[in-house]
Amino acid sequence: MPGGILEAAGFRIHQNPQGGLMLKLAAALITGLTAMGGWAVVTVKDLPEYVVAGRQYTLEFQVRQHGRTLLNGLHPRLEMRSTQRDLGSVAAVPKGQEDGTYTVTFTAPAPAPAADGLVLTLQSGFGNSELHLYPVAVVASGASRPPMALAERGQALFVAKGCNTCHANSDLSSRPDNTELTVGPALGSRHLPSQLVIQKVKHPASETMPDLRLTDAEAAAIAAFVSGERATTAGEASGRP
């Protein structure tokens, strides 16, 4: 096999000098994925920085098989919990005639302790594919909170947009327990130039990486995280006062 590399189902698996064990493991992995129909990536469209207790929110998200093909006919669910208790789940529904797009509406619970937060998990409805988001802060009615630092916002978006499924990133702090697949290059500690990251995520010239139609503010935040920037707030990047 050229270069000792087995590529299938979007994976790159390196063969060790002995070869046999790695090939058996690779074959078992690919057989399992084929039986399940592969894997999928969940992408959240508008991720709130925080939620207000008692207020309803609607999350819009897409499900893509192998990170590219939008999937219709699924039955996704949103699971909610705090670090202290389970808060139940809500069924998502298709969004009109938009391919692979779903919405789910939930009511924010009472404010949690300062160190706690609302933990949201989107079950894709496609095999075991799911997306665990970073905890979202809950504030009391009438309250607000300062904008997140740009890189912190970018870290949350890196996960919410599904980037972490295909790109391992050791810079993620307290990373949610999401599956990482060796599809794209690992990005931890690389500190790529911000403008390069923005160009790549806004205009991916790739047959593997989809165009997620990120806003300029989302792209700037993700670039700040990937490049290692720590200054500026998400509000300043988006033009908010």
C-alpha atoms as a PDB file:
ATOM      1  CA  MET A   1       0.000   0.000   0.000  1.00  0.00           C
ATOM      2  CA  PRO A   2       1.660   3.293  -1.111  1.00  0.00           C
ATOM      3  CA  GLY A   3       3.360   5.059   1.783  1.00  0.00           C
ATOM      4  CA  GLY A   4       1.923   2.567   4.260  1.00  0.00           C
ATOM      5  CA  ILE A   5      -1.242   4.690   4.523  1.00  0.00           C
ATOM      6  CA  LEU A   6      -4.767   3.359   4.396  1.00  0.00           C
ATOM      7  CA  GLU A   7      -7.340   5.963   3.501  1.00  0.00           C
ATOM      8  CA  ALA A   8     -11.026   5.125   3.734  1.00  0.00           C
ATOM      9  CA  ALA A   9     -14.189   6.774   4.980  1.00  0.00           C
ATOM     10  CA  GLY A  10     -12.287  10.013   5.453  1.00  0.00           C
ATOM     11  CA  PHE A  11      -9.716   8.488   7.824  1.00  0.00           C
ATOM     12  CA  ARG A  12      -5.959   8.394   7.472  1.00  0.00           C
ATOM     13  CA  ILE A  13      -4.473   5.412   9.284  1.00  0.00           C
ATOM     14  CA  HIS A  14      -0.705   4.924   9.386  1.00  0.00           C
ATOM     15  CA  GLN A  15       0.654   1.401   9.191  1.00  0.00           C
ATOM     16  CA  ASN A  16       3.349   0.491  11.701  1.00  0.00           C
ATOM     17  CA  PRO A  17       6.437  -1.472  10.597  1.00  0.00           C
ATOM     18  CA  GLN A  18       4.784  -4.798  11.457  1.00  0.00           C
ATOM     19  CA  GLY A  19       1.613  -3.738   9.688  1.00  0.00           C
ATOM     20  CA  GLY A  20      -0.646  -6.649  10.545  1.00  0.00           C
ATOM     21  CA  LEU A  21      -2.243  -5.400  13.751  1.00  0.00           C
ATOM     22  CA  MET A  22      -2.819  -1.885  12.421  1.00  0.00           C
ATOM     23  CA  LEU A  23      -4.418  -3.206   9.237  1.00  0.00           C
ATOM     24  CA  LYS A  24      -6.735  -5.457  11.233  1.00  0.00           C
ATOM     25  CA  LEU A  25      -7.756  -2.557  13.464  1.00  0.00           C
ATOM     26  CA  ALA A  26      -8.288  -0.320  10.441  1.00  0.00           C
ATOM     27  CA  ALA A  27     -10.415  -2.949   8.713  1.00  0.00           C
ATOM     28  CA  ALA A  28     -12.536  -3.434  11.827  1.00  0.00           C
ATOM     29  CA  LEU A  29     -13.005   0.316  12.200  1.00  0.00           C
ATOM     30  CA  ILE A  30     -14.031   0.830   8.592  1.00  0.00           C
ATOM     31  CA  THR A  31     -16.361  -2.192   8.651  1.00  0.00           C
ATOM     32  CA  GLY A  32     -18.079  -0.797  11.728  1.00  0.00           C
ATOM     33  CA  LEU A  33     -18.474   2.646  10.195  1.00  0.00           C
ATOM     34  CA  THR A  34     -19.837   1.200   6.960  1.00  0.00           C
ATOM     35  CA  ALA A  35     -22.400  -0.843   8.875  1.00  0.00           C
ATOM     36  CA  MET A  36     -23.574   2.306  10.656  1.00  0.00           C
ATOM     37  CA  GLY A  37     -23.653   4.356   7.465  1.00  0.00           C
ATOM     38  CA  GLY A  38     -20.584   6.348   8.478  1.00  0.00           C
ATOM     39  CA  TRP A  39     -20.450   9.388  10.725  1.00  0.00           C
ATOM     40  CA  ALA A  40     -21.965  12.843  10.766  1.00  0.00           C
ATOM     41  CA  VAL A  41     -21.042  16.356  11.891  1.00  0.00           C
ATOM     42  CA  VAL A  42     -23.515  18.647  13.658  1.00  0.00           C
ATOM     43  CA  THR A  43     -23.171  22.395  13.043  1.00  0.00           C
ATOM     44  CA  VAL A  44     -25.022  25.004  15.130  1.00  0.00           C
ATOM     45  CA  LYS A  45     -25.943  28.172  13.245  1.00  0.00           C
ATOM     46  CA  ASP A  46     -26.326  30.903  15.903  1.00  0.00           C
ATOM     47  CA  LEU A  47     -24.753  30.000  19.224  1.00  0.00           C
ATOM     48  CA  PRO A  48     -25.837  32.262  22.119  1.00  0.00           C
ATOM     49  CA  GLU A  49     -23.108  33.583  24.414  1.00  0.00           C
ATOM     50  CA  TYR A  50     -25.555  33.255  27.329  1.00  0.00           C
ATOM     51  CA  VAL A  51     -29.260  32.659  27.919  1.00  0.00           C
ATOM     52  CA  VAL A  52     -31.777  34.420  30.160  1.00  0.00           C
ATOM     53  CA  ALA A  53     -33.774  32.288  32.610  1.00  0.00           C
ATOM     54  CA  GLY A  54     -37.374  31.713  31.527  1.00  0.00           C
ATOM     55  CA  ARG A  55     -36.816  32.896  27.961  1.00  0.00           C
ATOM     56  CA  GLN A  56     -37.335  30.630  24.951  1.00  0.00           C
ATOM     57  CA  TYR A  57     -34.529  30.024  22.502  1.00  0.00           C
ATOM     58  CA  THR A  58     -34.447  28.277  19.154  1.00  0.00           C
ATOM     59  CA  LEU A  59     -31.292  26.564  17.968  1.00  0.00           C
ATOM     60  CA  GLU A  60     -30.906  25.945  14.261  1.00  0.00           C
ATOM     61  CA  PHE A  61     -28.430  23.283  13.205  1.00  0.00           C
ATOM     62  CA  GLN A  62     -27.407  21.092  10.300  1.00  0.00           C
ATOM     63  CA  VAL A  63     -26.344  17.460  10.110  1.00  0.00           C
ATOM     64  CA  ARG A  64     -23.805  16.435   7.462  1.00  0.00           C
ATOM     65  CA  GLN A  65     -22.765  12.869   6.706  1.00  0.00           C
ATOM     66  CA  HIS A  66     -18.959  12.694   6.563  1.00  0.00           C
ATOM     67  CA  GLY A  67     -18.961  16.433   7.185  1.00  0.00           C
ATOM     68  CA  ARG A  68     -20.403  17.328   3.762  1.00  0.00           C
ATOM     69  CA  THR A  69     -23.688  15.703   2.703  1.00  0.00           C
ATOM     70  CA  LEU A  70     -26.730  17.306   4.349  1.00  0.00           C
ATOM     71  CA  LEU A  71     -29.032  14.636   5.787  1.00  0.00           C
ATOM     72  CA  ASN A  72     -32.823  14.781   5.673  1.00  0.00           C
ATOM     73  CA  GLY A  73     -35.355  12.588   7.467  1.00  0.00           C
ATOM     74  CA  LEU A  74     -33.583  12.431  10.807  1.00  0.00           C
ATOM     75  CA  HIS A  75     -35.076  12.717  14.282  1.00  0.00           C
ATOM     76  CA  PRO A  76     -32.565  14.759  16.293  1.00  0.00           C
ATOM     77  CA  ARG A  77     -33.008  15.727  19.939  1.00  0.00           C
ATOM     78  CA  LEU A  78     -31.614  18.364  22.266  1.00  0.00           C
ATOM     79  CA  GLU A  79     -30.569  17.112  25.705  1.00  0.00           C
ATOM     80  CA  MET A  80     -30.179  19.629  28.537  1.00  0.00           C
ATOM     81  CA  ARG A  81     -28.527  19.326  31.917  1.00  0.00           C
ATOM     82  CA  SER A  82     -26.577  21.228  34.495  1.00  0.00           C
ATOM     83  CA  THR A  83     -23.564  19.804  36.257  1.00  0.00           C
ATOM     84  CA  GLN A  84     -25.991  18.921  39.050  1.00  0.00           C
ATOM     85  CA  ARG A  85     -29.019  17.394  37.319  1.00  0.00           C
ATOM     86  CA  ASP A  86     -30.706  16.286  34.108  1.00  0.00           C
ATOM     87  CA  LEU A  87     -33.055  18.907  32.646  1.00  0.00           C
ATOM     88  CA  GLY A  88     -34.768  16.712  30.059  1.00  0.00           C
ATOM     89  CA  SER A  89     -34.756  16.653  26.264  1.00  0.00           C
ATOM     90  CA  VAL A  90     -36.681  18.234  23.391  1.00  0.00           C
ATOM     91  CA  ALA A  91     -37.322  16.858  19.905  1.00  0.00           C
ATOM     92  CA  ALA A  92     -36.032  18.867  16.941  1.00  0.00           C
ATOM     93  CA  VAL A  93     -38.024  19.356  13.735  1.00  0.00           C
ATOM     94  CA  PRO A  94     -36.981  19.904  10.111  1.00  0.00           C
ATOM     95  CA  LYS A  95     -36.733  23.536   9.038  1.00  0.00           C
ATOM     96  CA  GLY A  96     -39.060  23.843   6.066  1.00  0.00           C
ATOM     97  CA  GLN A  97     -37.564  22.567   2.846  1.00  0.00           C
ATOM     98  CA  GLU A  98     -33.938  23.310   3.767  1.00  0.00           C
ATOM     99  CA  ASP A  99     -31.785  20.211   3.314  1.00  0.00           C
ATOM    100  CA  GLY A 100     -30.339  18.735   6.472  1.00  0.00           C
ATOM    101  CA  THR A 101     -31.481  21.664   8.614  1.00  0.00           C
ATOM    102  CA  TYR A 102     -33.379  21.323  11.899  1.00  0.00           C
ATOM    103  CA  THR A 103     -34.581  23.580  14.696  1.00  0.00           C
ATOM    104  CA  VAL A 104     -35.270  22.926  18.361  1.00  0.00           C
ATOM    105  CA  THR A 105     -36.850  25.304  20.885  1.00  0.00           C
ATOM    106  CA  PHE A 106     -36.132  25.204  24.605  1.00  0.00           C
ATOM    107  CA  THR A 107     -36.746  27.344  27.669  1.00  0.00           C
ATOM    108  CA  ALA A 108     -33.724  28.436  29.677  1.00  0.00           C
ATOM    109  CA  PRO A 109     -33.874  27.124  33.258  1.00  0.00           C
ATOM    110  CA  ALA A 110     -33.363  29.114  36.438  1.00  0.00           C
ATOM    111  CA  PRO A 111     -29.883  30.623  36.799  1.00  0.00           C
ATOM    112  CA  ALA A 112     -27.251  28.147  37.905  1.00  0.00           C
ATOM    113  CA  PRO A 113     -24.407  28.792  40.361  1.00  0.00           C
ATOM    114  CA  ALA A 114     -21.606  30.934  38.948  1.00  0.00           C
ATOM    115  CA  ALA A 115     -19.378  27.950  38.260  1.00  0.00           C
ATOM    116  CA  ASP A 116     -22.195  25.997  36.634  1.00  0.00           C
ATOM    117  CA  GLY A 117     -23.900  26.401  33.272  1.00  0.00           C
ATOM    118  CA  LEU A 118     -26.454  24.925  30.913  1.00  0.00           C
ATOM    119  CA  VAL A 119     -24.954  21.931  29.120  1.00  0.00           C
ATOM    120  CA  LEU A 120     -26.530  21.300  25.709  1.00  0.00           C
ATOM    121  CA  THR A 121     -26.051  18.140  23.662  1.00  0.00           C
ATOM    122  CA  LEU A 122     -27.475  17.678  20.173  1.00  0.00           C
ATOM    123  CA  GLN A 123     -28.187  14.058  19.271  1.00  0.00           C
ATOM    124  CA  SER A 124     -28.062  14.027  15.473  1.00  0.00           C
ATOM    125  CA  GLY A 125     -30.399  11.094  14.900  1.00  0.00           C
ATOM    126  CA  PHE A 126     -27.731   9.575  12.655  1.00  0.00           C
ATOM    127  CA  GLY A 127     -26.095   6.637  14.396  1.00  0.00           C
ATOM    128  CA  ASN A 128     -24.184   7.722  17.486  1.00  0.00           C
ATOM    129  CA  SER A 129     -23.155  11.093  16.086  1.00  0.00           C
ATOM    130  CA  GLU A 130     -23.755  13.898  18.568  1.00  0.00           C
ATOM    131  CA  LEU A 131     -22.435  17.306  19.546  1.00  0.00           C
ATOM    132  CA  HIS A 132     -21.639  18.365  23.110  1.00  0.00           C
ATOM    133  CA  LEU A 133     -21.432  22.150  23.424  1.00  0.00           C
ATOM    134  CA  TYR A 134     -19.487  24.133  25.963  1.00  0.00           C
ATOM    135  CA  PRO A 135     -21.692  25.056  28.968  1.00  0.00           C
ATOM    136  CA  VAL A 136     -23.768  28.179  28.310  1.00  0.00           C
ATOM    137  CA  ALA A 137     -24.114  30.717  31.130  1.00  0.00           C
ATOM    138  CA  VAL A 138     -27.634  31.363  32.451  1.00  0.00           C
ATOM    139  CA  VAL A 139     -28.485  34.791  33.879  1.00  0.00           C
ATOM    140  CA  ALA A 140     -31.555  36.073  35.695  1.00  0.00           C
ATOM    141  CA  SER A 141     -34.301  37.937  33.834  1.00  0.00           C
ATOM    142  CA  GLY A 142     -33.269  41.549  33.257  1.00  0.00           C
ATOM    143  CA  ALA A 143     -29.578  40.768  33.711  1.00  0.00           C
ATOM    144  CA  SER A 144     -26.791  40.477  31.164  1.00  0.00           C
ATOM    145  CA  ARG A 145     -23.115  39.612  31.167  1.00  0.00           C
ATOM    146  CA  PRO A 146     -20.045  41.155  29.514  1.00  0.00           C
ATOM    147  CA  PRO A 147     -19.139  39.920  26.028  1.00  0.00           C
ATOM    148  CA  MET A 148     -16.816  36.939  25.936  1.00  0.00           C
ATOM    149  CA  ALA A 149     -13.179  37.444  25.036  1.00  0.00           C
ATOM    150  CA  LEU A 150     -12.804  36.892  21.300  1.00  0.00           C
ATOM    151  CA  ALA A 151     -10.634  33.777  21.604  1.00  0.00           C
ATOM    152  CA  GLU A 152     -12.986  32.316  24.232  1.00  0.00           C
ATOM    153  CA  ARG A 153     -15.919  32.890  21.893  1.00  0.00           C
ATOM    154  CA  GLY A 154     -13.880  31.321  19.094  1.00  0.00           C
ATOM    155  CA  GLN A 155     -13.236  28.241  21.224  1.00  0.00           C
ATOM    156  CA  ALA A 156     -16.979  27.790  21.804  1.00  0.00           C
ATOM    157  CA  LEU A 157     -17.671  28.266  18.089  1.00  0.00           C
ATOM    158  CA  PHE A 158     -14.875  25.877  17.081  1.00  0.00           C
ATOM    159  CA  VAL A 159     -16.844  23.175  18.890  1.00  0.00           C
ATOM    160  CA  ALA A 160     -20.368  24.369  17.979  1.00  0.00           C
ATOM    161  CA  LYS A 161     -19.566  24.520  14.259  1.00  0.00           C
ATOM    162  CA  GLY A 162     -18.302  20.937  14.349  1.00  0.00           C
ATOM    163  CA  CYS A 163     -14.685  21.892  13.563  1.00  0.00           C
ATOM    164  CA  ASN A 164     -13.386  19.701  16.374  1.00  0.00           C
ATOM    165  CA  THR A 165     -14.863  16.583  14.768  1.00  0.00           C
ATOM    166  CA  CYS A 166     -12.370  16.754  11.904  1.00  0.00           C
ATOM    167  CA  HIS A 167      -9.602  18.851  13.485  1.00  0.00           C
ATOM    168  CA  ALA A 168      -8.107  17.775  16.796  1.00  0.00           C
ATOM    169  CA  ASN A 169      -7.061  20.815  18.812  1.00  0.00           C
ATOM    170  CA  SER A 170      -5.038  20.477  21.988  1.00  0.00           C
ATOM    171  CA  ASP A 171      -5.671  24.161  22.779  1.00  0.00           C
ATOM    172  CA  LEU A 172      -9.307  23.439  23.697  1.00  0.00           C
ATOM    173  CA  SER A 173      -9.721  24.027  27.427  1.00  0.00           C
ATOM    174  CA  SER A 174     -11.882  21.436  29.255  1.00  0.00           C
ATOM    175  CA  ARG A 175     -12.891  20.076  25.849  1.00  0.00           C
ATOM    176  CA  PRO A 176     -16.419  18.661  25.630  1.00  0.00           C
ATOM    177  CA  ASP A 177     -16.442  14.905  25.079  1.00  0.00           C
ATOM    178  CA  ASN A 178     -16.869  14.904  21.313  1.00  0.00           C
ATOM    179  CA  THR A 179     -15.483  12.351  18.890  1.00  0.00           C
ATOM    180  CA  GLU A 180     -12.332  13.455  17.061  1.00  0.00           C
ATOM    181  CA  LEU A 181     -11.598  11.926  13.655  1.00  0.00           C
ATOM    182  CA  THR A 182      -8.348  12.221  11.720  1.00  0.00           C
ATOM    183  CA  VAL A 183      -9.811  13.946   8.675  1.00  0.00           C
ATOM    184  CA  GLY A 184      -8.162  17.380   8.654  1.00  0.00           C
ATOM    185  CA  PRO A 185      -4.869  18.545  10.173  1.00  0.00           C
ATOM    186  CA  ALA A 186      -4.549  18.956  13.926  1.00  0.00           C
ATOM    187  CA  LEU A 187      -4.589  22.646  14.857  1.00  0.00           C
ATOM    188  CA  GLY A 188      -3.374  22.760  18.467  1.00  0.00           C
ATOM    189  CA  SER A 189      -0.399  25.059  19.213  1.00  0.00           C
ATOM    190  CA  ARG A 190       0.055  25.947  15.544  1.00  0.00           C
ATOM    191  CA  HIS A 191      -0.853  29.640  15.977  1.00  0.00           C
ATOM    192  CA  LEU A 192      -1.665  30.194  12.336  1.00  0.00           C
ATOM    193  CA  PRO A 193      -2.021  33.797  11.118  1.00  0.00           C
ATOM    194  CA  SER A 194      -5.555  35.096  11.725  1.00  0.00           C
ATOM    195  CA  GLN A 195      -6.093  36.234   8.140  1.00  0.00           C
ATOM    196  CA  LEU A 196      -5.114  32.814   6.822  1.00  0.00           C
ATOM    197  CA  VAL A 197      -7.613  31.121   9.144  1.00  0.00           C
ATOM    198  CA  ILE A 198     -10.365  33.560   8.154  1.00  0.00           C
ATOM    199  CA  GLN A 199      -9.682  32.906   4.468  1.00  0.00           C
ATOM    200  CA  LYS A 200      -9.774  29.122   4.989  1.00  0.00           C
ATOM    201  CA  VAL A 201     -13.008  29.043   7.001  1.00  0.00           C
ATOM    202  CA  LYS A 202     -14.848  31.607   4.891  1.00  0.00           C
ATOM    203  CA  HIS A 203     -13.758  30.268   1.503  1.00  0.00           C
ATOM    204  CA  PRO A 204     -12.682  26.622   1.876  1.00  0.00           C
ATOM    205  CA  ALA A 205     -11.232  25.525  -1.465  1.00  0.00           C
ATOM    206  CA  SER A 206     -11.549  21.878  -0.503  1.00  0.00           C
ATOM    207  CA  GLU A 207     -13.521  18.788  -1.460  1.00  0.00           C
ATOM    208  CA  THR A 208     -13.507  17.727   2.189  1.00  0.00           C
ATOM    209  CA  MET A 209     -14.213  20.876   4.182  1.00  0.00           C
ATOM    210  CA  PRO A 210     -17.713  22.350   3.703  1.00  0.00           C
ATOM    211  CA  ASP A 211     -18.600  26.019   3.422  1.00  0.00           C
ATOM    212  CA  LEU A 212     -20.464  26.680   6.687  1.00  0.00           C
ATOM    213  CA  ARG A 213     -21.340  30.236   5.626  1.00  0.00           C
ATOM    214  CA  LEU A 214     -19.821  31.721   8.762  1.00  0.00           C
ATOM    215  CA  THR A 215     -20.436  35.369   9.535  1.00  0.00           C
ATOM    216  CA  ASP A 216     -17.462  37.712   9.622  1.00  0.00           C
ATOM    217  CA  ALA A 217     -17.727  37.863  13.430  1.00  0.00           C
ATOM    218  CA  GLU A 218     -17.753  34.056  13.732  1.00  0.00           C
ATOM    219  CA  ALA A 219     -14.770  33.696  11.411  1.00  0.00           C
ATOM    220  CA  ALA A 220     -12.833  36.369  13.342  1.00  0.00           C
ATOM    221  CA  ALA A 221     -13.549  34.641  16.651  1.00  0.00           C
ATOM    222  CA  ILE A 222     -12.484  31.210  15.407  1.00  0.00           C
ATOM    223  CA  ALA A 223      -9.357  32.761  13.892  1.00  0.00           C
ATOM    224  CA  ALA A 224      -8.524  34.440  17.212  1.00  0.00           C
ATOM    225  CA  PHE A 225      -8.768  31.086  18.982  1.00  0.00           C
ATOM    226  CA  VAL A 226      -6.797  29.088  16.413  1.00  0.00           C
ATOM    227  CA  SER A 227      -4.089  31.763  16.112  1.00  0.00           C
ATOM    228  CA  GLY A 228      -3.694  32.086  19.871  1.00  0.00           C
ATOM    229  CA  GLU A 229      -4.893  35.694  20.183  1.00  0.00           C
ATOM    230  CA  ARG A 230      -6.149  36.733  23.599  1.00  0.00           C
ATOM    231  CA  ALA A 231      -7.118  40.423  23.214  1.00  0.00           C
ATOM    232  CA  THR A 232     -10.413  41.940  22.046  1.00  0.00           C
ATOM    233  CA  THR A 233     -13.947  40.897  22.972  1.00  0.00           C
ATOM    234  CA  ALA A 234     -16.530  39.198  20.792  1.00  0.00           C
ATOM    235  CA  GLY A 235     -18.654  42.341  21.039  1.00  0.00           C
ATOM    236  CA  GLU A 236     -15.897  44.493  19.548  1.00  0.00           C
ATOM    237  CA  ALA A 237     -15.329  42.002  16.722  1.00  0.00           C
ATOM    238  CA  SER A 238     -19.016  42.018  15.790  1.00  0.00           C
ATOM    239  CA  GLY A 239     -19.340  45.774  16.081  1.00  0.00           C
ATOM    240  CA  ARG A 240     -21.567  45.625  19.171  1.00  0.00           C
ATOM    241  CA  PRO A 241     -21.161  48.485  21.674  1.00  0.00           C
END
